[in-house]
Amino acid sequence: MLDIRNTVLTYAEARRTAKGAISGINVNISLDDVLVRGQEIEINFKYTVEYAEKVGTLTMYGLMTASGSLEECQALSRQWSATRKLPKEFAEDVLNTINYACGTNGTLVVRAVNLSPPMVPPRITVADAGASSTDEGAAEKKESTPATEPANAQPGEE
């Protein structure tokens, strides 16, 4: 069994690019690289949130470590090299761990520029072959509900 051991955020940036109300967010998680060394796995990732109406962005980079049996790690390495995809069950764990870590920490980062927190969406599942949501090691979750303005924003303040 492949087990996630640690997630470290290495970069975080939030920008408010326009005044105005936020009508939703688009969350994108991409796996930039997967390195396997024996029974240890390193996954470099990028987490981005685009606020609807081009109001702002949140970008975070990080490194996740995992481990497993030598056979599992070798199979994962071969699959990643051939397809740039992780095994489905492990991919779901990886994406949900990244989503949780970045969503919760991103809440603090975006607060400084008066953006709504990137609410942690429901658990991500990886679609079977034929679906495009996980092509090239990426997953995307669109949140269609309107985001609320931060609690301490004054009326008329954006």
N, C-alpha and C. Protein backbone atom coordinates (compact mmCIF):
# COMPACT_ATOMS: atom_id res chain seq x y z
N MET A 1 0.84 -1.19 0.00
CA MET A 1 0.00 0.00 0.00
C MET A 1 0.88 1.24 0.00
N LEU A 2 0.57 2.18 -0.88
CA LEU A 2 1.29 3.44 -0.94
C LEU A 2 0.72 4.40 0.10
N ASP A 3 1.60 4.93 0.93
CA ASP A 3 1.17 5.80 2.02
C ASP A 3 1.79 7.18 1.90
N ILE A 4 0.97 8.20 2.02
CA ILE A 4 1.45 9.58 2.02
C ILE A 4 2.05 9.86 3.39
N ARG A 5 3.25 10.42 3.39
CA ARG A 5 3.97 10.68 4.64
C ARG A 5 3.97 12.14 5.04
N ASN A 6 4.15 13.05 4.08
CA ASN A 6 4.34 14.45 4.43
C ASN A 6 3.98 15.34 3.24
N THR A 7 3.49 16.53 3.54
CA THR A 7 3.23 17.54 2.52
C THR A 7 3.81 18.86 3.00
N VAL A 8 4.68 19.44 2.18
CA VAL A 8 5.34 20.69 2.54
C VAL A 8 5.05 21.70 1.45
N LEU A 9 4.57 22.87 1.83
CA LEU A 9 4.35 23.95 0.87
C LEU A 9 5.64 24.74 0.76
N THR A 10 6.08 25.01 -0.47
CA THR A 10 7.35 25.69 -0.70
C THR A 10 7.18 27.11 -1.24
N TYR A 11 5.97 27.46 -1.67
CA TYR A 11 5.73 28.78 -2.25
C TYR A 11 4.25 29.08 -2.15
N ALA A 12 3.92 30.31 -1.82
CA ALA A 12 2.52 30.74 -1.80
C ALA A 12 2.44 32.21 -2.22
N GLU A 13 1.50 32.50 -3.11
CA GLU A 13 1.31 33.87 -3.58
C GLU A 13 -0.17 34.10 -3.83
N ALA A 14 -0.67 35.20 -3.31
CA ALA A 14 -2.05 35.61 -3.58
C ALA A 14 -2.02 37.01 -4.17
N ARG A 15 -2.85 37.22 -5.18
CA ARG A 15 -2.94 38.54 -5.81
C ARG A 15 -4.40 38.90 -6.02
N ARG A 16 -4.73 40.09 -5.65
CA ARG A 16 -6.04 40.64 -6.01
C ARG A 16 -5.79 41.54 -7.20
N THR A 17 -6.39 41.22 -8.32
CA THR A 17 -6.10 41.95 -9.56
C THR A 17 -7.20 42.92 -9.97
N ALA A 18 -8.35 42.87 -9.30
CA ALA A 18 -9.44 43.78 -9.64
C ALA A 18 -10.38 43.93 -8.46
N LYS A 19 -11.06 45.04 -8.43
CA LYS A 19 -12.11 45.24 -7.43
C LYS A 19 -13.36 44.53 -7.93
N GLY A 20 -14.22 44.21 -7.04
CA GLY A 20 -15.48 43.61 -7.45
C GLY A 20 -15.79 42.36 -6.66
N ALA A 21 -17.01 41.91 -6.86
CA ALA A 21 -17.48 40.72 -6.16
C ALA A 21 -16.91 39.47 -6.82
N ILE A 22 -16.75 38.45 -6.01
CA ILE A 22 -16.25 37.16 -6.50
C ILE A 22 -17.46 36.26 -6.70
N SER A 23 -17.63 35.75 -7.91
CA SER A 23 -18.81 34.93 -8.20
C SER A 23 -18.51 33.44 -8.20
N GLY A 24 -17.28 33.06 -7.97
CA GLY A 24 -16.92 31.64 -7.92
C GLY A 24 -15.42 31.46 -8.04
N ILE A 25 -14.98 30.22 -7.89
CA ILE A 25 -13.56 29.93 -8.00
C ILE A 25 -13.35 28.70 -8.86
N ASN A 26 -12.15 28.61 -9.45
CA ASN A 26 -11.74 27.46 -10.23
C ASN A 26 -10.44 26.97 -9.61
N VAL A 27 -10.46 25.75 -9.08
CA VAL A 27 -9.29 25.15 -8.43
C VAL A 27 -8.65 24.16 -9.39
N ASN A 28 -7.32 24.26 -9.54
CA ASN A 28 -6.59 23.35 -10.41
C ASN A 28 -5.38 22.82 -9.67
N ILE A 29 -5.20 21.50 -9.68
CA ILE A 29 -4.05 20.85 -9.06
C ILE A 29 -3.30 20.14 -10.16
N SER A 30 -2.02 20.44 -10.31
CA SER A 30 -1.22 19.73 -11.30
C SER A 30 -0.02 19.09 -10.63
N LEU A 31 0.29 17.88 -11.06
CA LEU A 31 1.46 17.17 -10.57
C LEU A 31 2.57 17.44 -11.57
N ASP A 32 3.59 18.18 -11.14
CA ASP A 32 4.66 18.59 -12.04
C ASP A 32 5.66 17.47 -12.28
N ASP A 33 5.97 16.71 -11.23
CA ASP A 33 6.94 15.63 -11.37
C ASP A 33 6.76 14.62 -10.26
N VAL A 34 7.06 13.38 -10.57
CA VAL A 34 7.03 12.30 -9.59
C VAL A 34 8.37 11.59 -9.68
N LEU A 35 9.10 11.59 -8.57
CA LEU A 35 10.41 10.94 -8.50
C LEU A 35 10.33 9.76 -7.55
N VAL A 36 10.83 8.62 -7.99
CA VAL A 36 10.84 7.42 -7.15
C VAL A 36 12.28 7.02 -6.90
N ARG A 37 12.61 6.89 -5.62
CA ARG A 37 13.94 6.46 -5.20
C ARG A 37 13.75 5.29 -4.24
N GLY A 38 13.91 4.09 -4.75
CA GLY A 38 13.70 2.91 -3.91
C GLY A 38 12.25 2.83 -3.48
N GLN A 39 12.02 2.92 -2.16
CA GLN A 39 10.67 2.84 -1.61
C GLN A 39 10.10 4.21 -1.26
N GLU A 40 10.80 5.26 -1.68
CA GLU A 40 10.36 6.62 -1.38
C GLU A 40 9.89 7.31 -2.67
N ILE A 41 8.83 8.09 -2.55
CA ILE A 41 8.24 8.80 -3.68
C ILE A 41 8.19 10.28 -3.33
N GLU A 42 8.60 11.14 -4.27
CA GLU A 42 8.47 12.59 -4.12
C GLU A 42 7.58 13.11 -5.23
N ILE A 43 6.59 13.89 -4.86
CA ILE A 43 5.65 14.45 -5.83
C ILE A 43 5.70 15.97 -5.73
N ASN A 44 6.11 16.63 -6.80
CA ASN A 44 6.11 18.09 -6.87
C ASN A 44 4.78 18.52 -7.49
N PHE A 45 4.12 19.48 -6.85
CA PHE A 45 2.80 19.88 -7.32
C PHE A 45 2.63 21.38 -7.35
N LYS A 46 1.61 21.80 -8.09
CA LYS A 46 1.19 23.19 -8.16
C LYS A 46 -0.31 23.24 -7.92
N TYR A 47 -0.73 24.15 -7.07
CA TYR A 47 -2.15 24.35 -6.74
C TYR A 47 -2.48 25.78 -7.11
N THR A 48 -3.49 25.96 -7.95
CA THR A 48 -3.89 27.32 -8.34
C THR A 48 -5.39 27.50 -8.15
N VAL A 49 -5.74 28.70 -7.75
CA VAL A 49 -7.14 29.09 -7.64
C VAL A 49 -7.29 30.37 -8.45
N GLU A 50 -8.23 30.35 -9.36
CA GLU A 50 -8.57 31.55 -10.12
C GLU A 50 -9.95 32.00 -9.65
N TYR A 51 -10.03 33.24 -9.24
CA TYR A 51 -11.30 33.79 -8.78
C TYR A 51 -12.05 34.33 -9.99
N ALA A 52 -13.34 33.96 -10.10
CA ALA A 52 -14.16 34.36 -11.25
C ALA A 52 -14.18 35.87 -11.41
N GLU A 53 -14.43 36.26 -12.60
CA GLU A 53 -14.43 37.67 -13.00
C GLU A 53 -13.03 38.26 -12.92
N LYS A 54 -12.01 37.39 -12.93
CA LYS A 54 -10.59 37.80 -12.91
C LYS A 54 -10.28 38.73 -11.75
N VAL A 55 -10.86 38.42 -10.59
CA VAL A 55 -10.67 39.25 -9.41
C VAL A 55 -9.34 38.97 -8.73
N GLY A 56 -8.84 37.73 -8.83
CA GLY A 56 -7.58 37.42 -8.17
C GLY A 56 -7.14 35.99 -8.41
N THR A 57 -5.97 35.68 -7.88
CA THR A 57 -5.42 34.33 -8.00
C THR A 57 -4.70 33.93 -6.72
N LEU A 58 -4.59 32.65 -6.53
CA LEU A 58 -3.78 32.06 -5.46
C LEU A 58 -2.95 30.97 -6.12
N THR A 59 -1.65 31.00 -5.91
CA THR A 59 -0.75 29.98 -6.45
C THR A 59 0.09 29.43 -5.31
N MET A 60 0.16 28.11 -5.23
CA MET A 60 0.99 27.45 -4.22
C MET A 60 1.73 26.29 -4.87
N TYR A 61 2.98 26.10 -4.46
CA TYR A 61 3.78 24.97 -4.89
C TYR A 61 4.14 24.16 -3.66
N GLY A 62 4.37 22.87 -3.85
CA GLY A 62 4.76 22.06 -2.72
C GLY A 62 5.37 20.74 -3.12
N LEU A 63 5.76 20.01 -2.09
CA LEU A 63 6.38 18.71 -2.25
C LEU A 63 5.70 17.74 -1.30
N MET A 64 5.27 16.62 -1.83
CA MET A 64 4.65 15.57 -1.03
C MET A 64 5.57 14.36 -1.05
N THR A 65 5.69 13.70 0.09
CA THR A 65 6.47 12.47 0.13
C THR A 65 5.54 11.32 0.49
N ALA A 66 5.84 10.16 -0.08
CA ALA A 66 5.06 8.96 0.16
C ALA A 66 6.02 7.77 0.16
N SER A 67 5.53 6.63 0.60
CA SER A 67 6.34 5.42 0.57
C SER A 67 5.46 4.22 0.29
N GLY A 68 6.11 3.14 -0.06
CA GLY A 68 5.40 1.89 -0.35
C GLY A 68 6.40 0.77 -0.54
N SER A 69 5.91 -0.38 -0.89
CA SER A 69 6.81 -1.49 -1.13
C SER A 69 7.62 -1.20 -2.39
N LEU A 70 8.75 -1.86 -2.52
CA LEU A 70 9.61 -1.66 -3.69
C LEU A 70 8.86 -1.96 -4.98
N GLU A 71 8.06 -3.01 -4.99
CA GLU A 71 7.30 -3.39 -6.19
C GLU A 71 6.28 -2.31 -6.56
N GLU A 72 5.56 -1.81 -5.57
CA GLU A 72 4.57 -0.76 -5.82
C GLU A 72 5.23 0.51 -6.36
N CYS A 73 6.35 0.87 -5.76
CA CYS A 73 7.05 2.08 -6.18
C CYS A 73 7.60 1.94 -7.60
N GLN A 74 8.12 0.77 -7.94
CA GLN A 74 8.62 0.54 -9.29
C GLN A 74 7.47 0.59 -10.31
N ALA A 75 6.33 -0.01 -9.95
CA ALA A 75 5.17 0.02 -10.85
C ALA A 75 4.67 1.46 -11.03
N LEU A 76 4.64 2.23 -9.95
CA LEU A 76 4.23 3.62 -10.02
C LEU A 76 5.17 4.40 -10.92
N SER A 77 6.47 4.17 -10.77
CA SER A 77 7.46 4.87 -11.59
C SER A 77 7.27 4.56 -13.07
N ARG A 78 7.05 3.29 -13.40
CA ARG A 78 6.83 2.90 -14.79
C ARG A 78 5.56 3.56 -15.34
N GLN A 79 4.48 3.54 -14.54
CA GLN A 79 3.22 4.12 -15.00
C GLN A 79 3.36 5.62 -15.20
N TRP A 80 4.01 6.32 -14.27
CA TRP A 80 4.19 7.77 -14.40
C TRP A 80 5.02 8.10 -15.63
N SER A 81 6.10 7.33 -15.85
CA SER A 81 6.97 7.57 -17.01
C SER A 81 6.22 7.38 -18.33
N ALA A 82 5.34 6.38 -18.36
CA ALA A 82 4.62 6.06 -19.60
C ALA A 82 3.42 6.96 -19.85
N THR A 83 2.69 7.32 -18.78
CA THR A 83 1.41 8.01 -18.97
C THR A 83 1.30 9.36 -18.26
N ARG A 84 2.22 9.68 -17.38
CA ARG A 84 2.15 10.86 -16.50
C ARG A 84 0.87 10.83 -15.65
N LYS A 85 0.48 9.63 -15.24
CA LYS A 85 -0.66 9.44 -14.35
C LYS A 85 -0.25 8.51 -13.23
N LEU A 86 -0.90 8.69 -12.09
CA LEU A 86 -0.69 7.82 -10.93
C LEU A 86 -1.79 6.76 -10.90
N PRO A 87 -1.55 5.65 -10.20
CA PRO A 87 -2.64 4.67 -10.02
C PRO A 87 -3.85 5.37 -9.39
N LYS A 88 -5.04 5.01 -9.83
CA LYS A 88 -6.28 5.73 -9.47
C LYS A 88 -6.45 5.94 -7.96
N GLU A 89 -6.37 4.90 -7.17
CA GLU A 89 -6.62 5.04 -5.73
C GLU A 89 -5.58 5.95 -5.07
N PHE A 90 -4.32 5.80 -5.45
CA PHE A 90 -3.26 6.64 -4.91
C PHE A 90 -3.43 8.08 -5.40
N ALA A 91 -3.82 8.26 -6.65
CA ALA A 91 -4.03 9.60 -7.21
C ALA A 91 -5.11 10.33 -6.42
N GLU A 92 -6.18 9.65 -6.06
CA GLU A 92 -7.24 10.28 -5.28
C GLU A 92 -6.72 10.74 -3.93
N ASP A 93 -5.92 9.88 -3.26
CA ASP A 93 -5.35 10.27 -1.97
C ASP A 93 -4.42 11.47 -2.11
N VAL A 94 -3.59 11.45 -3.14
CA VAL A 94 -2.64 12.54 -3.38
C VAL A 94 -3.39 13.85 -3.64
N LEU A 95 -4.35 13.83 -4.55
CA LEU A 95 -5.09 15.05 -4.90
C LEU A 95 -5.88 15.59 -3.73
N ASN A 96 -6.49 14.72 -2.96
CA ASN A 96 -7.27 15.19 -1.80
C ASN A 96 -6.38 15.73 -0.70
N THR A 97 -5.20 15.15 -0.52
CA THR A 97 -4.27 15.67 0.48
C THR A 97 -3.76 17.04 0.07
N ILE A 98 -3.41 17.20 -1.20
CA ILE A 98 -2.97 18.50 -1.71
C ILE A 98 -4.10 19.52 -1.58
N ASN A 99 -5.30 19.14 -1.97
CA ASN A 99 -6.45 20.03 -1.91
C ASN A 99 -6.69 20.51 -0.48
N TYR A 100 -6.62 19.61 0.47
CA TYR A 100 -6.85 19.98 1.87
C TYR A 100 -5.74 20.88 2.39
N ALA A 101 -4.48 20.49 2.15
CA ALA A 101 -3.35 21.27 2.66
C ALA A 101 -3.33 22.67 2.08
N CYS A 102 -3.54 22.78 0.78
CA CYS A 102 -3.50 24.09 0.13
C CYS A 102 -4.76 24.91 0.42
N GLY A 103 -5.90 24.26 0.48
CA GLY A 103 -7.14 24.97 0.77
C GLY A 103 -7.12 25.59 2.16
N THR A 104 -6.66 24.82 3.14
CA THR A 104 -6.65 25.34 4.51
C THR A 104 -5.58 26.40 4.69
N ASN A 105 -4.38 26.16 4.18
CA ASN A 105 -3.31 27.15 4.30
C ASN A 105 -3.57 28.35 3.39
N GLY A 106 -4.20 28.13 2.25
CA GLY A 106 -4.52 29.21 1.34
C GLY A 106 -5.50 30.21 1.95
N THR A 107 -6.31 29.75 2.88
CA THR A 107 -7.25 30.63 3.56
C THR A 107 -6.51 31.79 4.23
N LEU A 108 -5.39 31.50 4.85
CA LEU A 108 -4.60 32.54 5.49
C LEU A 108 -3.90 33.44 4.48
N VAL A 109 -3.41 32.84 3.40
CA VAL A 109 -2.67 33.60 2.39
C VAL A 109 -3.58 34.61 1.69
N VAL A 110 -4.77 34.20 1.26
CA VAL A 110 -5.65 35.11 0.52
C VAL A 110 -6.26 36.19 1.41
N ARG A 111 -6.30 35.96 2.69
CA ARG A 111 -6.87 36.94 3.61
C ARG A 111 -6.14 38.28 3.53
N ALA A 112 -4.83 38.20 3.32
CA ALA A 112 -4.01 39.42 3.27
C ALA A 112 -4.38 40.33 2.11
N VAL A 113 -4.95 39.79 1.05
CA VAL A 113 -5.33 40.61 -0.11
C VAL A 113 -6.85 40.68 -0.27
N ASN A 114 -7.57 40.36 0.79
CA ASN A 114 -9.03 40.49 0.84
C ASN A 114 -9.75 39.66 -0.22
N LEU A 115 -9.30 38.41 -0.40
CA LEU A 115 -10.01 37.45 -1.24
C LEU A 115 -10.70 36.44 -0.35
N SER A 116 -11.75 35.84 -0.85
CA SER A 116 -12.47 34.81 -0.10
C SER A 116 -11.60 33.56 0.00
N PRO A 117 -11.74 32.82 1.08
CA PRO A 117 -10.94 31.60 1.22
C PRO A 117 -11.30 30.57 0.15
N PRO A 118 -10.29 29.82 -0.30
CA PRO A 118 -10.58 28.75 -1.27
C PRO A 118 -11.17 27.58 -0.50
N MET A 119 -12.47 27.57 -0.39
CA MET A 119 -13.14 26.55 0.41
C MET A 119 -12.72 25.16 -0.05
N VAL A 120 -12.52 24.27 0.90
CA VAL A 120 -12.11 22.91 0.58
C VAL A 120 -13.31 22.19 -0.02
N PRO A 121 -13.27 21.92 -1.33
CA PRO A 121 -14.39 21.25 -1.98
C PRO A 121 -14.52 19.79 -1.53
N PRO A 122 -15.57 19.12 -1.94
CA PRO A 122 -15.74 17.72 -1.58
C PRO A 122 -14.58 16.88 -2.10
N ARG A 123 -14.47 15.66 -1.60
CA ARG A 123 -13.40 14.74 -1.99
C ARG A 123 -13.37 14.59 -3.51
N ILE A 124 -12.17 14.62 -4.06
CA ILE A 124 -11.95 14.47 -5.49
C ILE A 124 -11.85 12.99 -5.83
N THR A 125 -12.52 12.59 -6.90
CA THR A 125 -12.36 11.23 -7.41
C THR A 125 -11.82 11.31 -8.83
N VAL A 126 -10.99 10.36 -9.18
CA VAL A 126 -10.38 10.33 -10.50
C VAL A 126 -11.28 9.53 -11.42
N ALA A 127 -11.64 10.13 -12.55
CA ALA A 127 -12.52 9.49 -13.52
C ALA A 127 -11.77 8.38 -14.25
N ASP A 128 -12.51 7.40 -14.72
CA ASP A 128 -11.92 6.32 -15.51
C ASP A 128 -11.49 6.85 -16.86
N ALA A 129 -10.83 6.02 -17.64
CA ALA A 129 -10.31 6.39 -18.96
C ALA A 129 -11.41 7.03 -19.80
N GLY A 130 -11.01 7.99 -20.58
CA GLY A 130 -11.98 8.68 -21.45
C GLY A 130 -12.39 10.02 -20.89
N ALA A 131 -12.23 10.22 -19.60
CA ALA A 131 -12.57 11.51 -19.01
C ALA A 131 -11.36 12.41 -19.10
N SER A 132 -11.57 13.69 -19.28
CA SER A 132 -10.46 14.60 -19.49
C SER A 132 -10.03 15.34 -18.24
N SER A 133 -10.67 15.11 -17.09
CA SER A 133 -10.36 15.91 -15.91
C SER A 133 -9.01 15.59 -15.31
N THR A 134 -8.38 14.47 -15.68
CA THR A 134 -7.09 14.14 -15.09
C THR A 134 -6.00 13.99 -16.14
N ASP A 135 -6.21 14.50 -17.34
CA ASP A 135 -5.19 14.41 -18.38
C ASP A 135 -3.92 15.10 -17.92
N GLU A 136 -2.79 14.53 -18.30
CA GLU A 136 -1.47 15.07 -18.00
C GLU A 136 -1.26 15.28 -16.50
N GLY A 137 -1.76 14.39 -15.67
CA GLY A 137 -1.49 14.45 -14.24
C GLY A 137 -2.16 15.60 -13.53
N ALA A 138 -3.23 16.13 -14.06
CA ALA A 138 -3.90 17.26 -13.44
C ALA A 138 -5.34 16.91 -13.13
N ALA A 139 -5.87 17.57 -12.14
CA ALA A 139 -7.29 17.41 -11.81
C ALA A 139 -7.85 18.81 -11.63
N GLU A 140 -9.09 18.96 -11.92
CA GLU A 140 -9.71 20.28 -11.83
C GLU A 140 -11.05 20.14 -11.14
N LYS A 141 -11.35 21.07 -10.25
CA LYS A 141 -12.63 21.11 -9.56
C LYS A 141 -13.15 22.52 -9.66
N LYS A 142 -14.31 22.69 -10.27
CA LYS A 142 -14.91 24.02 -10.38
C LYS A 142 -15.97 24.15 -9.30
N GLU A 143 -15.91 25.25 -8.62
CA GLU A 143 -16.87 25.56 -7.58
C GLU A 143 -17.83 26.59 -8.15
N SER A 144 -19.10 26.24 -8.30
CA SER A 144 -20.03 27.14 -8.98
C SER A 144 -20.81 28.03 -8.02
N THR A 145 -20.72 27.76 -6.73
CA THR A 145 -21.46 28.60 -5.81
C THR A 145 -20.71 29.91 -5.59
N PRO A 146 -21.43 30.99 -5.43
CA PRO A 146 -20.76 32.27 -5.23
C PRO A 146 -19.95 32.27 -3.95
N ALA A 147 -18.77 32.86 -4.02
CA ALA A 147 -17.94 33.00 -2.83
C ALA A 147 -18.41 34.24 -2.08
N THR A 148 -18.30 34.21 -0.78
CA THR A 148 -18.72 35.36 0.01
C THR A 148 -17.52 36.25 0.28
N GLU A 149 -17.77 37.50 0.50
CA GLU A 149 -16.71 38.43 0.83
C GLU A 149 -16.25 38.15 2.26
N PRO A 150 -15.01 38.45 2.59
CA PRO A 150 -14.50 38.23 3.94
C PRO A 150 -15.37 38.91 4.98
N ALA A 151 -15.44 38.32 6.16
CA ALA A 151 -16.32 38.77 7.21
C ALA A 151 -16.04 40.19 7.68
N ASN A 152 -14.77 40.64 7.63
CA ASN A 152 -14.49 41.96 8.15
C ASN A 152 -14.48 43.05 7.08
N ALA A 153 -14.93 42.74 5.87
CA ALA A 153 -15.04 43.76 4.82
C ALA A 153 -16.19 44.71 5.17
N GLN A 154 -15.94 45.97 4.98
CA GLN A 154 -16.96 46.97 5.28
C GLN A 154 -17.91 47.10 4.09
N PRO A 155 -19.16 47.45 4.34
CA PRO A 155 -20.10 47.63 3.22
C PRO A 155 -19.53 48.60 2.20
N GLY A 156 -19.60 48.21 0.93
CA GLY A 156 -19.10 49.04 -0.13
C GLY A 156 -17.60 48.92 -0.34
N GLU A 157 -16.89 48.22 0.55
CA GLU A 157 -15.45 48.05 0.41
C GLU A 157 -15.17 46.78 -0.38
N GLU A 158 -14.24 46.85 -1.31
CA GLU A 158 -13.91 45.67 -2.14
C GLU A 158 -12.43 45.50 -2.17
